[in-house]
Amino acid sequence: QVQLVESGGGLVQAGGSLRVSCTASGNIFIINNMGWYRQAPGKQRELVAIITRGGNMNYADSVKGRFTLSRDTAKSTVYLEMGSLKPEDTAVYYCYADRVVTAIPYWGQGTQVTVSS
């Protein structure tokens, strides 16, 4: 099993920056991909950014050039630096990881990011 604990998030004005972090614990050696999804009210959960086991990163088109995903392997932590935030970035941000071979997903509890206009 893998446990994901998020930190960060909060309220920020449009144009501002924020960082969220996610630390994995438990059987971390089974983790394949790790990253972030978000869900805005009334919308489906969507991928924000993800890093593969090999270090390749993928970003949603809507955040490219504004958000940066990074990983500290020694701390089993991924960071999402969010810049030039827009009101449409307002959502609950969920940390995500999946298991090698089976792709079983693991989710954090979610952290609220609110961008005011």
N, C-alpha and C. Protein backbone atom coordinates (compact mmCIF):
# COMPACT_ATOMS: atom_id res chain seq x y z
N GLN A 1 0.84 -1.20 0.00
CA GLN A 1 0.00 0.00 0.00
C GLN A 1 0.87 1.25 0.00
N VAL A 2 0.30 2.30 -0.55
CA VAL A 2 0.97 3.59 -0.61
C VAL A 2 0.05 4.65 -0.02
N GLN A 3 0.60 5.49 0.81
CA GLN A 3 -0.17 6.61 1.34
C GLN A 3 0.42 7.91 0.79
N LEU A 4 -0.48 8.83 0.44
CA LEU A 4 -0.07 10.11 -0.12
C LEU A 4 -0.62 11.23 0.77
N VAL A 5 0.27 12.11 1.19
CA VAL A 5 -0.13 13.22 2.05
C VAL A 5 0.26 14.52 1.39
N GLU A 6 -0.73 15.36 1.15
CA GLU A 6 -0.50 16.65 0.50
C GLU A 6 -0.34 17.76 1.52
N SER A 7 0.34 18.80 1.10
CA SER A 7 0.44 20.02 1.89
C SER A 7 0.52 21.20 0.94
N GLY A 8 0.25 22.37 1.48
CA GLY A 8 0.24 23.56 0.66
C GLY A 8 -1.17 23.88 0.23
N GLY A 9 -1.29 24.63 -0.82
CA GLY A 9 -2.60 25.09 -1.25
C GLY A 9 -3.01 26.33 -0.47
N GLY A 10 -4.22 26.79 -0.73
CA GLY A 10 -4.71 27.97 -0.04
C GLY A 10 -5.32 28.96 -1.00
N LEU A 11 -5.36 30.20 -0.56
CA LEU A 11 -5.98 31.28 -1.33
C LEU A 11 -4.91 32.22 -1.85
N VAL A 12 -5.01 32.57 -3.13
CA VAL A 12 -4.04 33.47 -3.74
C VAL A 12 -4.76 34.33 -4.77
N GLN A 13 -4.23 35.50 -5.00
CA GLN A 13 -4.81 36.38 -6.02
C GLN A 13 -4.35 35.96 -7.41
N ALA A 14 -5.14 36.30 -8.38
CA ALA A 14 -4.78 36.02 -9.77
C ALA A 14 -3.43 36.63 -10.09
N GLY A 15 -2.63 35.85 -10.80
CA GLY A 15 -1.28 36.28 -11.12
C GLY A 15 -0.25 35.84 -10.11
N GLY A 16 -0.70 35.35 -8.98
CA GLY A 16 0.20 34.94 -7.92
C GLY A 16 0.72 33.52 -8.10
N SER A 17 1.45 33.07 -7.09
CA SER A 17 2.08 31.76 -7.14
C SER A 17 1.75 30.98 -5.87
N LEU A 18 1.84 29.68 -6.01
CA LEU A 18 1.55 28.79 -4.89
C LEU A 18 2.28 27.47 -5.14
N ARG A 19 2.61 26.77 -4.07
CA ARG A 19 3.22 25.47 -4.21
C ARG A 19 2.47 24.44 -3.37
N VAL A 20 2.24 23.30 -3.97
CA VAL A 20 1.69 22.16 -3.24
C VAL A 20 2.71 21.03 -3.27
N SER A 21 2.72 20.26 -2.20
CA SER A 21 3.65 19.15 -2.07
C SER A 21 2.90 17.87 -1.77
N CYS A 22 3.49 16.76 -2.14
CA CYS A 22 2.90 15.46 -1.85
C CYS A 22 4.01 14.49 -1.50
N THR A 23 3.87 13.89 -0.32
CA THR A 23 4.86 12.92 0.14
C THR A 23 4.24 11.54 0.20
N ALA A 24 4.93 10.59 -0.38
CA ALA A 24 4.47 9.22 -0.38
C ALA A 24 5.13 8.44 0.76
N SER A 25 4.38 7.52 1.32
CA SER A 25 4.92 6.63 2.35
C SER A 25 4.34 5.24 2.15
N GLY A 26 4.87 4.31 2.89
CA GLY A 26 4.44 2.92 2.72
C GLY A 26 5.37 2.22 1.75
N ASN A 27 4.80 1.44 0.88
CA ASN A 27 5.59 0.65 -0.07
C ASN A 27 5.90 1.49 -1.31
N ILE A 28 6.77 2.48 -1.13
CA ILE A 28 7.02 3.46 -2.19
C ILE A 28 7.73 2.86 -3.39
N PHE A 29 8.32 1.70 -3.22
CA PHE A 29 9.09 1.11 -4.32
C PHE A 29 8.20 0.56 -5.42
N ILE A 30 6.91 0.48 -5.16
CA ILE A 30 6.00 0.00 -6.19
C ILE A 30 5.42 1.13 -7.04
N ILE A 31 5.76 2.38 -6.69
CA ILE A 31 5.21 3.52 -7.41
C ILE A 31 5.80 3.62 -8.82
N ASN A 32 4.93 3.84 -9.80
CA ASN A 32 5.35 4.03 -11.17
C ASN A 32 5.29 5.53 -11.51
N ASN A 33 4.12 6.04 -11.77
CA ASN A 33 3.92 7.46 -12.06
C ASN A 33 3.45 8.17 -10.80
N MET A 34 3.73 9.48 -10.74
CA MET A 34 3.29 10.29 -9.60
C MET A 34 3.05 11.71 -10.08
N GLY A 35 2.01 12.33 -9.55
CA GLY A 35 1.74 13.69 -9.98
C GLY A 35 0.49 14.25 -9.38
N TRP A 36 -0.18 15.12 -10.15
CA TRP A 36 -1.32 15.87 -9.64
C TRP A 36 -2.48 15.86 -10.63
N TYR A 37 -3.67 15.71 -10.08
CA TYR A 37 -4.92 15.94 -10.77
C TYR A 37 -5.64 17.07 -10.04
N ARG A 38 -6.65 17.60 -10.69
CA ARG A 38 -7.49 18.60 -10.02
C ARG A 38 -8.94 18.43 -10.44
N GLN A 39 -9.81 18.90 -9.55
CA GLN A 39 -11.24 18.84 -9.83
C GLN A 39 -11.89 20.12 -9.39
N ALA A 40 -12.45 20.83 -10.34
CA ALA A 40 -13.20 22.05 -10.05
C ALA A 40 -14.66 21.69 -9.83
N PRO A 41 -15.40 22.54 -9.14
CA PRO A 41 -16.82 22.26 -8.89
C PRO A 41 -17.58 22.02 -10.18
N GLY A 42 -18.31 20.93 -10.22
CA GLY A 42 -19.13 20.63 -11.39
C GLY A 42 -18.37 20.09 -12.58
N LYS A 43 -17.08 19.86 -12.40
CA LYS A 43 -16.27 19.36 -13.52
C LYS A 43 -15.64 18.03 -13.17
N GLN A 44 -15.19 17.34 -14.20
CA GLN A 44 -14.50 16.07 -13.98
C GLN A 44 -13.07 16.30 -13.50
N ARG A 45 -12.55 15.32 -12.83
CA ARG A 45 -11.16 15.38 -12.40
C ARG A 45 -10.28 15.31 -13.64
N GLU A 46 -9.24 16.16 -13.68
CA GLU A 46 -8.38 16.21 -14.85
C GLU A 46 -6.92 16.17 -14.44
N LEU A 47 -6.11 15.65 -15.33
CA LEU A 47 -4.67 15.59 -15.09
C LEU A 47 -4.09 17.00 -15.16
N VAL A 48 -3.21 17.31 -14.22
CA VAL A 48 -2.49 18.57 -14.24
C VAL A 48 -1.05 18.33 -14.71
N ALA A 49 -0.36 17.47 -14.01
CA ALA A 49 1.03 17.18 -14.35
C ALA A 49 1.41 15.85 -13.74
N ILE A 50 2.27 15.13 -14.43
CA ILE A 50 2.67 13.82 -13.93
C ILE A 50 4.10 13.54 -14.33
N ILE A 51 4.81 12.81 -13.48
CA ILE A 51 6.18 12.41 -13.77
C ILE A 51 6.24 10.89 -13.72
N THR A 52 6.88 10.32 -14.73
CA THR A 52 7.00 8.88 -14.78
C THR A 52 8.16 8.39 -13.92
N ARG A 53 8.20 7.10 -13.72
CA ARG A 53 9.28 6.52 -12.93
C ARG A 53 10.64 6.89 -13.51
N GLY A 54 10.68 6.99 -14.85
CA GLY A 54 11.93 7.32 -15.52
C GLY A 54 12.25 8.79 -15.56
N GLY A 55 11.33 9.61 -15.07
CA GLY A 55 11.61 11.04 -15.01
C GLY A 55 10.98 11.88 -16.12
N ASN A 56 10.22 11.26 -17.00
CA ASN A 56 9.53 12.04 -18.04
C ASN A 56 8.32 12.74 -17.43
N MET A 57 8.10 13.96 -17.90
CA MET A 57 6.99 14.74 -17.36
C MET A 57 5.98 15.07 -18.44
N ASN A 58 4.73 15.11 -18.04
CA ASN A 58 3.66 15.53 -18.93
C ASN A 58 2.80 16.56 -18.20
N TYR A 59 2.40 17.57 -18.94
CA TYR A 59 1.57 18.64 -18.38
C TYR A 59 0.29 18.79 -19.20
N ALA A 60 -0.77 19.19 -18.53
CA ALA A 60 -1.97 19.59 -19.25
C ALA A 60 -1.65 20.85 -20.05
N ASP A 61 -2.25 20.98 -21.21
CA ASP A 61 -1.99 22.15 -22.05
C ASP A 61 -2.32 23.44 -21.31
N SER A 62 -3.33 23.38 -20.47
CA SER A 62 -3.80 24.58 -19.79
C SER A 62 -2.80 25.12 -18.76
N VAL A 63 -1.82 24.30 -18.36
CA VAL A 63 -0.87 24.75 -17.34
C VAL A 63 0.56 24.83 -17.85
N LYS A 64 0.78 24.42 -19.08
CA LYS A 64 2.14 24.44 -19.63
C LYS A 64 2.69 25.86 -19.61
N GLY A 65 3.91 25.97 -19.16
CA GLY A 65 4.56 27.28 -19.08
C GLY A 65 4.25 28.03 -17.80
N ARG A 66 3.29 27.56 -17.03
CA ARG A 66 2.92 28.23 -15.77
C ARG A 66 3.20 27.36 -14.56
N PHE A 67 3.02 26.06 -14.70
CA PHE A 67 3.22 25.12 -13.60
C PHE A 67 4.48 24.31 -13.85
N THR A 68 5.16 23.99 -12.76
CA THR A 68 6.35 23.17 -12.85
C THR A 68 6.28 22.05 -11.82
N LEU A 69 6.45 20.85 -12.30
CA LEU A 69 6.45 19.67 -11.44
C LEU A 69 7.90 19.27 -11.18
N SER A 70 8.20 18.93 -9.95
CA SER A 70 9.53 18.45 -9.64
C SER A 70 9.43 17.31 -8.63
N ARG A 71 10.53 16.60 -8.49
CA ARG A 71 10.51 15.42 -7.61
C ARG A 71 11.78 15.38 -6.79
N ASP A 72 11.64 15.04 -5.54
CA ASP A 72 12.77 14.77 -4.66
C ASP A 72 12.67 13.29 -4.29
N THR A 73 13.43 12.48 -4.99
CA THR A 73 13.34 11.04 -4.81
C THR A 73 13.72 10.61 -3.39
N ALA A 74 14.71 11.26 -2.82
CA ALA A 74 15.16 10.91 -1.47
C ALA A 74 14.06 11.13 -0.44
N LYS A 75 13.19 12.11 -0.70
CA LYS A 75 12.10 12.41 0.23
C LYS A 75 10.78 11.81 -0.22
N SER A 76 10.78 11.11 -1.34
CA SER A 76 9.54 10.52 -1.89
C SER A 76 8.47 11.58 -2.05
N THR A 77 8.87 12.74 -2.51
CA THR A 77 7.98 13.90 -2.56
C THR A 77 7.99 14.51 -3.97
N VAL A 78 6.81 14.90 -4.40
CA VAL A 78 6.69 15.69 -5.63
C VAL A 78 6.14 17.07 -5.25
N TYR A 79 6.59 18.04 -6.00
CA TYR A 79 6.18 19.42 -5.79
C TYR A 79 5.55 19.96 -7.06
N LEU A 80 4.52 20.76 -6.89
CA LEU A 80 3.91 21.44 -8.02
C LEU A 80 3.98 22.94 -7.74
N GLU A 81 4.84 23.59 -8.48
CA GLU A 81 4.95 25.05 -8.38
C GLU A 81 3.99 25.66 -9.39
N MET A 82 3.06 26.45 -8.89
CA MET A 82 2.03 27.03 -9.75
C MET A 82 2.24 28.53 -9.83
N GLY A 83 2.44 29.02 -11.04
CA GLY A 83 2.66 30.45 -11.24
C GLY A 83 1.63 31.02 -12.19
N SER A 84 1.58 32.35 -12.23
CA SER A 84 0.62 33.05 -13.10
C SER A 84 -0.77 32.45 -12.94
N LEU A 85 -1.17 32.26 -11.71
CA LEU A 85 -2.43 31.57 -11.44
C LEU A 85 -3.62 32.38 -11.94
N LYS A 86 -4.61 31.64 -12.40
CA LYS A 86 -5.84 32.21 -12.93
C LYS A 86 -7.03 31.71 -12.10
N PRO A 87 -8.12 32.46 -12.10
CA PRO A 87 -9.29 31.98 -11.37
C PRO A 87 -9.74 30.58 -11.81
N GLU A 88 -9.53 30.27 -13.07
CA GLU A 88 -9.93 28.94 -13.56
C GLU A 88 -9.03 27.82 -13.06
N ASP A 89 -7.95 28.15 -12.37
CA ASP A 89 -7.13 27.14 -11.73
C ASP A 89 -7.71 26.71 -10.38
N THR A 90 -8.73 27.40 -9.94
CA THR A 90 -9.38 27.06 -8.68
C THR A 90 -9.94 25.65 -8.73
N ALA A 91 -9.54 24.83 -7.78
CA ALA A 91 -9.96 23.43 -7.76
C ALA A 91 -9.41 22.76 -6.50
N VAL A 92 -9.88 21.56 -6.27
CA VAL A 92 -9.21 20.70 -5.30
C VAL A 92 -8.13 19.93 -6.05
N TYR A 93 -6.93 20.03 -5.55
CA TYR A 93 -5.79 19.36 -6.19
C TYR A 93 -5.49 18.06 -5.45
N TYR A 94 -5.45 16.99 -6.21
CA TYR A 94 -5.24 15.66 -5.64
C TYR A 94 -3.89 15.11 -6.08
N CYS A 95 -3.14 14.64 -5.12
CA CYS A 95 -1.92 13.91 -5.43
C CYS A 95 -2.30 12.53 -5.94
N TYR A 96 -1.55 12.07 -6.91
CA TYR A 96 -1.83 10.78 -7.56
C TYR A 96 -0.55 9.99 -7.69
N ALA A 97 -0.67 8.70 -7.52
CA ALA A 97 0.41 7.77 -7.83
C ALA A 97 -0.21 6.48 -8.32
N ASP A 98 0.53 5.74 -9.13
CA ASP A 98 0.03 4.43 -9.52
C ASP A 98 1.12 3.39 -9.40
N ARG A 99 0.67 2.16 -9.37
CA ARG A 99 1.53 1.04 -9.07
C ARG A 99 2.10 0.45 -10.35
N VAL A 100 3.34 0.03 -10.30
CA VAL A 100 3.93 -0.65 -11.45
C VAL A 100 3.14 -1.91 -11.77
N VAL A 101 3.12 -2.27 -13.02
CA VAL A 101 2.50 -3.49 -13.56
C VAL A 101 0.97 -3.37 -13.56
N THR A 102 0.36 -3.21 -12.40
CA THR A 102 -1.11 -3.24 -12.33
C THR A 102 -1.74 -1.88 -12.56
N ALA A 103 -0.96 -0.81 -12.40
CA ALA A 103 -1.47 0.56 -12.55
C ALA A 103 -2.56 0.90 -11.54
N ILE A 104 -2.64 0.20 -10.45
CA ILE A 104 -3.60 0.53 -9.39
C ILE A 104 -3.31 1.95 -8.91
N PRO A 105 -4.34 2.81 -8.89
CA PRO A 105 -4.12 4.20 -8.50
C PRO A 105 -4.20 4.40 -6.98
N TYR A 106 -3.46 5.39 -6.52
CA TYR A 106 -3.54 5.84 -5.14
C TYR A 106 -3.79 7.35 -5.17
N TRP A 107 -4.59 7.82 -4.23
CA TRP A 107 -4.96 9.24 -4.20
C TRP A 107 -4.71 9.84 -2.83
N GLY A 108 -4.31 11.11 -2.84
CA GLY A 108 -4.27 11.86 -1.60
C GLY A 108 -5.65 12.36 -1.25
N GLN A 109 -5.74 13.05 -0.13
CA GLN A 109 -7.05 13.50 0.35
C GLN A 109 -7.51 14.77 -0.36
N GLY A 110 -6.61 15.43 -1.05
CA GLY A 110 -6.96 16.65 -1.77
C GLY A 110 -6.64 17.90 -0.98
N THR A 111 -6.25 18.94 -1.68
CA THR A 111 -5.99 20.23 -1.04
C THR A 111 -6.60 21.32 -1.91
N GLN A 112 -7.26 22.26 -1.27
CA GLN A 112 -7.99 23.30 -2.00
C GLN A 112 -7.04 24.41 -2.45
N VAL A 113 -7.14 24.77 -3.71
CA VAL A 113 -6.45 25.94 -4.25
C VAL A 113 -7.52 26.88 -4.78
N THR A 114 -7.53 28.09 -4.27
CA THR A 114 -8.51 29.07 -4.69
C THR A 114 -7.79 30.31 -5.21
N VAL A 115 -8.12 30.71 -6.43
CA VAL A 115 -7.50 31.88 -7.04
C VAL A 115 -8.58 32.95 -7.20
N SER A 116 -8.39 34.06 -6.53
CA SER A 116 -9.37 35.13 -6.60
C SER A 116 -9.01 36.12 -7.71
N SER A 117 -10.05 36.67 -8.30
CA SER A 117 -9.82 37.60 -9.43
C SER A 117 -9.67 39.03 -8.94
